[in-house]
Amino acid sequence: TLRVFVPDEYRVTVYDVVGKEVKILHAGPLSSGVYRFLFDGGDLPSGIYFYEVSTPTSSKVTKMILAK
């Protein structure tokens, strides 16, 4: 879940454990509100992944575990 307080350009990207970009879940403008993005890892192996939410001025990376 992503809570947007300031409308801006947002990019939500998933990376594998070595930093390779796996999927882009969103790239573009978002207005204020709450958003959910579906990550379908059906074609990926189980393991640790990271997702990054970035704007032109900041970014945040969070770890997630894909278990099948």
PDB file of N, CA and C in Angstrom:
ATOM      1  N   THR A   1       0.849  -1.186   0.000  1.00  0.00           N
ATOM      2  CA  THR A   1       0.000   0.000   0.000  1.00  0.00           C
ATOM      3  C   THR A   1       0.888   1.240   0.000  1.00  0.00           C
ATOM      4  N   LEU A   2       0.582   2.158  -0.864  1.00  0.00           N
ATOM      5  CA  LEU A   2       1.331   3.410  -0.986  1.00  0.00           C
ATOM      6  C   LEU A   2       0.387   4.566  -0.694  1.00  0.00           C
ATOM      7  N   ARG A   3       0.742   5.359   0.302  1.00  0.00           N
ATOM      8  CA  ARG A   3      -0.047   6.556   0.617  1.00  0.00           C
ATOM      9  C   ARG A   3       0.674   7.758   0.026  1.00  0.00           C
ATOM     10  N   VAL A   4      -0.024   8.461  -0.846  1.00  0.00           N
ATOM     11  CA  VAL A   4       0.549   9.643  -1.502  1.00  0.00           C
ATOM     12  C   VAL A   4      -0.062  10.875  -0.864  1.00  0.00           C
ATOM     13  N   PHE A   5       0.797  11.706  -0.290  1.00  0.00           N
ATOM     14  CA  PHE A   5       0.340  12.948   0.317  1.00  0.00           C
ATOM     15  C   PHE A   5       0.587  14.139  -0.610  1.00  0.00           C
ATOM     16  N   VAL A   6       1.642  14.041  -1.415  1.00  0.00           N
ATOM     17  CA  VAL A   6       2.005  15.125  -2.326  1.00  0.00           C
ATOM     18  C   VAL A   6       1.949  14.598  -3.755  1.00  0.00           C
ATOM     19  N   PRO A   7       1.065  15.137  -4.582  1.00  0.00           N
ATOM     20  CA  PRO A   7       1.023  14.699  -5.981  1.00  0.00           C
ATOM     21  C   PRO A   7       2.376  14.929  -6.655  1.00  0.00           C
ATOM     22  N   ASP A   8       2.841  13.927  -7.399  1.00  0.00           N
ATOM     23  CA  ASP A   8       4.144  14.020  -8.051  1.00  0.00           C
ATOM     24  C   ASP A   8       4.282  12.838  -9.005  1.00  0.00           C
ATOM     25  N   GLU A   9       5.430  12.743  -9.644  1.00  0.00           N
ATOM     26  CA  GLU A   9       5.775  11.580 -10.456  1.00  0.00           C
ATOM     27  C   GLU A   9       6.304  10.495  -9.519  1.00  0.00           C
ATOM     28  N   TYR A  10       5.763   9.300  -9.627  1.00  0.00           N
ATOM     29  CA  TYR A  10       6.191   8.188  -8.782  1.00  0.00           C
ATOM     30  C   TYR A  10       6.593   7.012  -9.652  1.00  0.00           C
ATOM     31  N   ARG A  11       7.564   6.255  -9.147  1.00  0.00           N
ATOM     32  CA  ARG A  11       7.997   5.031  -9.818  1.00  0.00           C
ATOM     33  C   ARG A  11       8.100   3.950  -8.743  1.00  0.00           C
ATOM     34  N   VAL A  12       7.466   2.810  -9.001  1.00  0.00           N
ATOM     35  CA  VAL A  12       7.517   1.678  -8.079  1.00  0.00           C
ATOM     36  C   VAL A  12       8.176   0.531  -8.838  1.00  0.00           C
ATOM     37  N   THR A  13       9.361   0.128  -8.375  1.00  0.00           N
ATOM     38  CA  THR A  13      10.176  -0.845  -9.084  1.00  0.00           C
ATOM     39  C   THR A  13      10.568  -1.988  -8.154  1.00  0.00           C
ATOM     40  N   VAL A  14      10.576  -3.208  -8.678  1.00  0.00           N
ATOM     41  CA  VAL A  14      10.989  -4.389  -7.916  1.00  0.00           C
ATOM     42  C   VAL A  14      12.359  -4.827  -8.420  1.00  0.00           C
ATOM     43  N   TYR A  15      13.264  -5.141  -7.474  1.00  0.00           N
ATOM     44  CA  TYR A  15      14.621  -5.595  -7.779  1.00  0.00           C
ATOM     45  C   TYR A  15      14.876  -6.941  -7.111  1.00  0.00           C
ATOM     46  N   ASP A  16      15.755  -7.741  -7.721  1.00  0.00           N
ATOM     47  CA  ASP A  16      16.152  -8.981  -7.065  1.00  0.00           C
ATOM     48  C   ASP A  16      17.281  -8.680  -6.082  1.00  0.00           C
ATOM     49  N   VAL A  17      17.776  -9.719  -5.427  1.00  0.00           N
ATOM     50  CA  VAL A  17      18.747  -9.540  -4.345  1.00  0.00           C
ATOM     51  C   VAL A  17      20.091  -8.985  -4.834  1.00  0.00           C
ATOM     52  N   VAL A  18      20.420  -9.126  -6.101  1.00  0.00           N
ATOM     53  CA  VAL A  18      21.673  -8.560  -6.617  1.00  0.00           C
ATOM     54  C   VAL A  18      21.483  -7.185  -7.254  1.00  0.00           C
ATOM     55  N   GLY A  19      20.256  -6.645  -7.174  1.00  0.00           N
ATOM     56  CA  GLY A  19      19.997  -5.298  -7.664  1.00  0.00           C
ATOM     57  C   GLY A  19      19.520  -5.211  -9.095  1.00  0.00           C
ATOM     58  N   LYS A  20      19.227  -6.343  -9.714  1.00  0.00           N
ATOM     59  CA  LYS A  20      18.712  -6.334 -11.086  1.00  0.00           C
ATOM     60  C   LYS A  20      17.227  -5.966 -11.070  1.00  0.00           C
ATOM     61  N   GLU A  21      16.847  -5.026 -11.939  1.00  0.00           N
ATOM     62  CA  GLU A  21      15.439  -4.629 -12.046  1.00  0.00           C
ATOM     63  C   GLU A  21      14.618  -5.806 -12.571  1.00  0.00           C
ATOM     64  N   VAL A  22      13.561  -6.164 -11.831  1.00  0.00           N
ATOM     65  CA  VAL A  22      12.725  -7.304 -12.183  1.00  0.00           C
ATOM     66  C   VAL A  22      11.423  -6.857 -12.835  1.00  0.00           C
ATOM     67  N   LYS A  23      10.755  -5.876 -12.226  1.00  0.00           N
ATOM     68  CA  LYS A  23       9.481  -5.379 -12.761  1.00  0.00           C
ATOM     69  C   LYS A  23       9.274  -3.926 -12.360  1.00  0.00           C
ATOM     70  N   ILE A  24       8.622  -3.185 -13.241  1.00  0.00           N
ATOM     71  CA  ILE A  24       8.168  -1.836 -12.913  1.00  0.00           C
ATOM     72  C   ILE A  24       6.669  -1.941 -12.682  1.00  0.00           C
ATOM     73  N   LEU A  25       6.243  -1.631 -11.464  1.00  0.00           N
ATOM     74  CA  LEU A  25       4.821  -1.729 -11.128  1.00  0.00           C
ATOM     75  C   LEU A  25       4.063  -0.457 -11.469  1.00  0.00           C
ATOM     76  N   HIS A  26       4.746   0.682 -11.451  1.00  0.00           N
ATOM     77  CA  HIS A  26       4.105   1.948 -11.817  1.00  0.00           C
ATOM     78  C   HIS A  26       5.186   2.953 -12.183  1.00  0.00           C
ATOM     79  N   ALA A  27       4.901   3.765 -13.179  1.00  0.00           N
ATOM     80  CA  ALA A  27       5.779   4.878 -13.547  1.00  0.00           C
ATOM     81  C   ALA A  27       4.898   5.975 -14.109  1.00  0.00           C
ATOM     82  N   GLY A  28       4.768   7.058 -13.351  1.00  0.00           N
ATOM     83  CA  GLY A  28       3.951   8.161 -13.813  1.00  0.00           C
ATOM     84  C   GLY A  28       3.391   8.964 -12.662  1.00  0.00           C
ATOM     85  N   PRO A  29       2.519   9.913 -12.973  1.00  0.00           N
ATOM     86  CA  PRO A  29       1.986  10.785 -11.931  1.00  0.00           C
ATOM     87  C   PRO A  29       0.954  10.073 -11.056  1.00  0.00           C
ATOM     88  N   LEU A  30       0.944  10.454  -9.786  1.00  0.00           N
ATOM     89  CA  LEU A  30      -0.080  10.008  -8.849  1.00  0.00           C
ATOM     90  C   LEU A  30      -0.569  11.223  -8.074  1.00  0.00           C
ATOM     91  N   SER A  31      -1.874  11.305  -7.880  1.00  0.00           N
ATOM     92  CA  SER A  31      -2.436  12.369  -7.055  1.00  0.00           C
ATOM     93  C   SER A  31      -2.559  11.851  -5.622  1.00  0.00           C
ATOM     94  N   SER A  32      -2.945  12.710  -4.715  1.00  0.00           N
ATOM     95  CA  SER A  32      -3.083  12.315  -3.318  1.00  0.00           C
ATOM     96  C   SER A  32      -4.070  11.163  -3.197  1.00  0.00           C
ATOM     97  N   GLY A  33      -3.743  10.206  -2.331  1.00  0.00           N
ATOM     98  CA  GLY A  33      -4.628   9.064  -2.127  1.00  0.00           C
ATOM     99  C   GLY A  33      -3.850   7.834  -1.712  1.00  0.00           C
ATOM    100  N   VAL A  34      -4.554   6.704  -1.678  1.00  0.00           N
ATOM    101  CA  VAL A  34      -3.963   5.423  -1.304  1.00  0.00           C
ATOM    102  C   VAL A  34      -3.988   4.511  -2.521  1.00  0.00           C
ATOM    103  N   TYR A  35      -2.859   3.871  -2.798  1.00  0.00           N
ATOM    104  CA  TYR A  35      -2.727   3.031  -3.976  1.00  0.00           C
ATOM    105  C   TYR A  35      -2.194   1.657  -3.590  1.00  0.00           C
ATOM    106  N   ARG A  36      -2.624   0.639  -4.329  1.00  0.00           N
ATOM    107  CA  ARG A  36      -2.112  -0.713  -4.173  1.00  0.00           C
ATOM    108  C   ARG A  36      -1.652  -1.187  -5.548  1.00  0.00           C
ATOM    109  N   PHE A  37      -0.500  -1.839  -5.566  1.00  0.00           N
ATOM    110  CA  PHE A  37       0.046  -2.357  -6.806  1.00  0.00           C
ATOM    111  C   PHE A  37       0.213  -3.853  -6.669  1.00  0.00           C
ATOM    112  N   LEU A  38      -0.227  -4.590  -7.664  1.00  0.00           N
ATOM    113  CA  LEU A  38      -0.141  -6.040  -7.651  1.00  0.00           C
ATOM    114  C   LEU A  38       1.212  -6.480  -8.187  1.00  0.00           C
ATOM    115  N   PHE A  39       1.907  -7.283  -7.407  1.00  0.00           N
ATOM    116  CA  PHE A  39       3.178  -7.851  -7.833  1.00  0.00           C
ATOM    117  C   PHE A  39       2.963  -9.341  -8.042  1.00  0.00           C
ATOM    118  N   ASP A  40       2.952  -9.781  -9.289  1.00  0.00           N
ATOM    119  CA  ASP A  40       2.788 -11.194  -9.615  1.00  0.00           C
ATOM    120  C   ASP A  40       4.172 -11.785  -9.835  1.00  0.00           C
ATOM    121  N   GLY A  41       4.635 -12.532  -8.860  1.00  0.00           N
ATOM    122  CA  GLY A  41       5.950 -13.142  -8.954  1.00  0.00           C
ATOM    123  C   GLY A  41       5.893 -14.580  -9.413  1.00  0.00           C
ATOM    124  N   GLY A  42       4.833 -14.940 -10.127  1.00  0.00           N
ATOM    125  CA  GLY A  42       4.658 -16.317 -10.576  1.00  0.00           C
ATOM    126  C   GLY A  42       5.777 -16.837 -11.453  1.00  0.00           C
ATOM    127  N   ASP A  43       6.434 -15.951 -12.171  1.00  0.00           N
ATOM    128  CA  ASP A  43       7.516 -16.369 -13.063  1.00  0.00           C
ATOM    129  C   ASP A  43       8.897 -16.200 -12.427  1.00  0.00           C
ATOM    130  N   LEU A  44       8.932 -15.878 -11.139  1.00  0.00           N
ATOM    131  CA  LEU A  44      10.191 -15.654 -10.434  1.00  0.00           C
ATOM    132  C   LEU A  44      10.414 -16.730  -9.371  1.00  0.00           C
ATOM    133  N   PRO A  45      11.661 -17.026  -9.056  1.00  0.00           N
ATOM    134  CA  PRO A  45      11.924 -17.993  -7.986  1.00  0.00           C
ATOM    135  C   PRO A  45      11.661 -17.380  -6.605  1.00  0.00           C
ATOM    136  N   SER A  46      11.387 -18.238  -5.635  1.00  0.00           N
ATOM    137  CA  SER A  46      11.247 -17.775  -4.255  1.00  0.00           C
ATOM    138  C   SER A  46      12.537 -17.108  -3.819  1.00  0.00           C
ATOM    139  N   GLY A  47      12.425 -16.139  -2.936  1.00  0.00           N
ATOM    140  CA  GLY A  47      13.627 -15.481  -2.432  1.00  0.00           C
ATOM    141  C   GLY A  47      13.341 -14.087  -1.927  1.00  0.00           C
ATOM    142  N   ILE A  48      14.402 -13.349  -1.707  1.00  0.00           N
ATOM    143  CA  ILE A  48      14.308 -11.982  -1.205  1.00  0.00           C
ATOM    144  C   ILE A  48      14.329 -11.018  -2.389  1.00  0.00           C
ATOM    145  N   TYR A  49      13.408 -10.075  -2.345  1.00  0.00           N
ATOM    146  CA  TYR A  49      13.320  -9.025  -3.362  1.00  0.00           C
ATOM    147  C   TYR A  49      13.192  -7.686  -2.648  1.00  0.00           C
ATOM    148  N   PHE A  50      13.394  -6.630  -3.377  1.00  0.00           N
ATOM    149  CA  PHE A  50      13.268  -5.285  -2.833  1.00  0.00           C
ATOM    150  C   PHE A  50      12.375  -4.477  -3.749  1.00  0.00           C
ATOM    151  N   TYR A  51      11.554  -3.599  -3.150  1.00  0.00           N
ATOM    152  CA  TYR A  51      10.815  -2.670  -3.990  1.00  0.00           C
ATOM    153  C   TYR A  51      11.180  -1.249  -3.582  1.00  0.00           C
ATOM    154  N   GLU A  52      11.296  -0.414  -4.595  1.00  0.00           N
ATOM    155  CA  GLU A  52      11.669   0.976  -4.391  1.00  0.00           C
ATOM    156  C   GLU A  52      10.538   1.874  -4.859  1.00  0.00           C
ATOM    157  N   VAL A  53      10.162   2.807  -4.003  1.00  0.00           N
ATOM    158  CA  VAL A  53       9.211   3.857  -4.371  1.00  0.00           C
ATOM    159  C   VAL A  53      10.030   5.129  -4.471  1.00  0.00           C
ATOM    160  N   SER A  54      10.051   5.723  -5.653  1.00  0.00           N
ATOM    161  CA  SER A  54      10.875   6.915  -5.835  1.00  0.00           C
ATOM    162  C   SER A  54      10.086   8.033  -6.500  1.00  0.00           C
ATOM    163  N   THR A  55      10.504   9.247  -6.162  1.00  0.00           N
ATOM    164  CA  THR A  55      10.003  10.471  -6.780  1.00  0.00           C
ATOM    165  C   THR A  55      11.239  11.215  -7.288  1.00  0.00           C
ATOM    166  N   PRO A  56      11.056  12.331  -7.968  1.00  0.00           N
ATOM    167  CA  PRO A  56      12.233  13.080  -8.411  1.00  0.00           C
ATOM    168  C   PRO A  56      13.136  13.555  -7.264  1.00  0.00           C
ATOM    169  N   THR A  57      12.609  13.626  -6.035  1.00  0.00           N
ATOM    170  CA  THR A  57      13.404  14.174  -4.931  1.00  0.00           C
ATOM    171  C   THR A  57      13.711  13.173  -3.811  1.00  0.00           C
ATOM    172  N   SER A  58      13.131  11.976  -3.831  1.00  0.00           N
ATOM    173  CA  SER A  58      13.384  11.031  -2.740  1.00  0.00           C
ATOM    174  C   SER A  58      13.089   9.604  -3.192  1.00  0.00           C
ATOM    175  N   SER A  59      13.552   8.659  -2.364  1.00  0.00           N
ATOM    176  CA  SER A  59      13.235   7.256  -2.631  1.00  0.00           C
ATOM    177  C   SER A  59      13.274   6.468  -1.329  1.00  0.00           C
ATOM    178  N   LYS A  60      12.573   5.346  -1.333  1.00  0.00           N
ATOM    179  CA  LYS A  60      12.558   4.457  -0.175  1.00  0.00           C
ATOM    180  C   LYS A  60      12.570   3.033  -0.701  1.00  0.00           C
ATOM    181  N   VAL A  61      13.441   2.200  -0.119  1.00  0.00           N
ATOM    182  CA  VAL A  61      13.563   0.805  -0.512  1.00  0.00           C
ATOM    183  C   VAL A  61      13.112  -0.065   0.649  1.00  0.00           C
ATOM    184  N   THR A  62      12.308  -1.090   0.341  1.00  0.00           N
ATOM    185  CA  THR A  62      11.794  -2.012   1.356  1.00  0.00           C
ATOM    186  C   THR A  62      12.015  -3.438   0.902  1.00  0.00           C
ATOM    187  N   LYS A  63      12.393  -4.298   1.850  1.00  0.00           N
ATOM    188  CA  LYS A  63      12.646  -5.709   1.555  1.00  0.00           C
ATOM    189  C   LYS A  63      11.331  -6.483   1.605  1.00  0.00           C
ATOM    190  N   MET A  64      11.214  -7.488   0.734  1.00  0.00           N
ATOM    191  CA  MET A  64      10.058  -8.384   0.785  1.00  0.00           C
ATOM    192  C   MET A  64      10.527  -9.798   0.459  1.00  0.00           C
ATOM    193  N   ILE A  65       9.765 -10.774   0.896  1.00  0.00           N
ATOM    194  CA  ILE A  65      10.098 -12.183   0.659  1.00  0.00           C
ATOM    195  C   ILE A  65       9.015 -12.790  -0.211  1.00  0.00           C
ATOM    196  N   LEU A  66       9.442 -13.424  -1.296  1.00  0.00           N
ATOM    197  CA  LEU A  66       8.524 -14.136  -2.186  1.00  0.00           C
ATOM    198  C   LEU A  66       8.647 -15.613  -1.839  1.00  0.00           C
ATOM    199  N   ALA A  67       7.570 -16.175  -1.320  1.00  0.00           N
ATOM    200  CA  ALA A  67       7.561 -17.601  -0.951  1.00  0.00           C
ATOM    201  C   ALA A  67       6.490 -18.312  -1.753  1.00  0.00           C
ATOM    202  N   LYS A  68       6.876 -19.431  -2.330  1.00  0.00           N
ATOM    203  CA  LYS A  68       5.923 -20.205  -3.143  1.00  0.00           C
ATOM    204  C   LYS A  68       5.649 -21.524  -2.482  1.00  0.00           C
TER     205      LYS A  68
END
